[in-house]
Amino acid sequence: MKIVTKPVRDLDYVVLYANEIYKDNSLFDQQKELVESQLNSSSLLFRRKFGKGVGFKKKARDFLSKIGLI
């Protein structure tokens, strides 16, 4: 990847990424794999912490709210 100008704003990074994906679609596959891995890990972590079933979402939201993430 050759960067002509240094990205300054968040949107600059989005445009740069979109252009690189357009040139090489394998980057999308890598990003998708990363996101799926993070989703699976987070899901497993929360299931172990709060269990499955009734009240899971409420417990998870309360926890995330308590630590300031939502």
Protein backbone atom coordinates (compact mmCIF):
# COMPACT_ATOMS: atom_id res chain seq x y z
CA MET A 1 0.00 0.00 0.00
CA LYS A 2 1.46 3.33 -1.04
CA ILE A 3 0.19 6.39 0.80
CA VAL A 4 0.60 9.62 -1.13
CA THR A 5 -0.60 11.96 1.62
CA LYS A 6 -0.87 11.38 5.33
CA PRO A 7 -4.49 10.79 6.39
CA VAL A 8 -5.61 13.52 8.77
CA ARG A 9 -9.32 12.99 9.40
CA ASP A 10 -11.18 9.77 10.15
CA LEU A 11 -12.86 10.06 6.77
CA ASP A 12 -9.43 10.06 5.09
CA TYR A 13 -8.80 6.61 6.54
CA VAL A 14 -12.18 5.38 5.31
CA VAL A 15 -11.47 6.62 1.79
CA LEU A 16 -7.98 5.11 1.84
CA TYR A 17 -9.36 1.76 3.02
CA ALA A 18 -12.14 1.80 0.43
CA ASN A 19 -9.63 2.47 -2.35
CA GLU A 20 -7.37 -0.34 -1.18
CA ILE A 21 -10.33 -2.77 -0.97
CA TYR A 22 -11.28 -1.78 -4.50
CA LYS A 23 -7.76 -2.71 -5.65
CA ASP A 24 -7.39 -5.87 -3.53
CA ASN A 25 -10.55 -7.58 -2.27
CA SER A 26 -8.57 -9.97 -0.04
CA LEU A 27 -8.32 -7.11 2.49
CA PHE A 28 -12.09 -7.36 2.97
CA ASP A 29 -11.79 -11.07 3.73
CA GLN A 30 -9.09 -10.36 6.33
CA GLN A 31 -11.22 -7.64 7.96
CA LYS A 32 -14.28 -9.89 7.97
CA GLU A 33 -12.30 -12.69 9.63
CA LEU A 34 -10.98 -10.29 12.28
CA VAL A 35 -14.45 -8.91 13.08
CA GLU A 36 -15.97 -12.41 13.28
CA SER A 37 -13.17 -13.53 15.60
CA GLN A 38 -13.72 -10.54 17.90
CA LEU A 39 -17.48 -11.12 17.89
CA ASN A 40 -17.07 -14.80 18.80
CA SER A 41 -14.60 -13.97 21.57
CA SER A 42 -16.84 -11.29 23.05
CA SER A 43 -19.86 -13.55 22.87
CA LEU A 44 -18.03 -16.37 24.64
CA LEU A 45 -16.71 -14.01 27.32
CA PHE A 46 -20.17 -12.60 28.06
CA ARG A 47 -21.82 -16.03 28.04
CA ARG A 48 -19.28 -17.25 30.59
CA LYS A 49 -19.73 -14.15 32.75
CA PHE A 50 -23.53 -13.88 32.64
CA GLY A 51 -24.74 -17.30 31.49
CA LYS A 52 -27.31 -18.03 28.83
CA GLY A 53 -31.02 -17.46 29.02
CA VAL A 54 -33.31 -14.90 30.56
CA GLY A 55 -31.68 -11.72 31.79
CA PHE A 56 -28.46 -12.11 29.78
CA LYS A 57 -28.91 -8.90 27.80
CA LYS A 58 -29.88 -6.87 30.85
CA LYS A 59 -26.91 -8.16 32.86
CA ALA A 60 -24.53 -7.47 29.97
CA ARG A 61 -25.91 -3.94 29.44
CA ASP A 62 -25.73 -3.18 33.17
CA PHE A 63 -22.12 -4.35 33.25
CA LEU A 64 -21.11 -2.32 30.18
CA SER A 65 -22.88 0.71 31.58
CA LYS A 66 -21.16 0.29 34.93
CA ILE A 67 -17.68 0.29 33.35
CA GLY A 68 -18.58 3.24 31.11
CA LEU A 69 -18.68 1.61 27.69
CA ILE A 70 -22.33 2.45 27.02
